[in-house]
């Protein structure tokens, strides 16, 4: 369990994705304690704010963009415990791989 905080921002009239979309072999639960966010999960978008719980199941593509002016802060729990390294895959990671076929 740990706490994450992002400051809202905008680039090219679009909110920054403060937690870039990614996926991994463990689930996560986020409890938002301040700010507002647009959440992304498997192609769907939703709004979340202080007091909300957001669940990302195993393998779900997910991320967040902070909205408004208040910093976005959440408590995050991951289960089972993630590996020490290489536990997260970002979508553009695949584009940098060399084809072996």
Foldseek 3Di string as FASTA:
>chain_A
DAKDKDFWDDDPNHTDQPFAWWAFQKKKKKAKQAFKKWKDWQHDTDIDGHGDIDIHGHGITITIGTDDGMMIMIDMDIPPDADPDDGIGHPCVVVPDDDPD
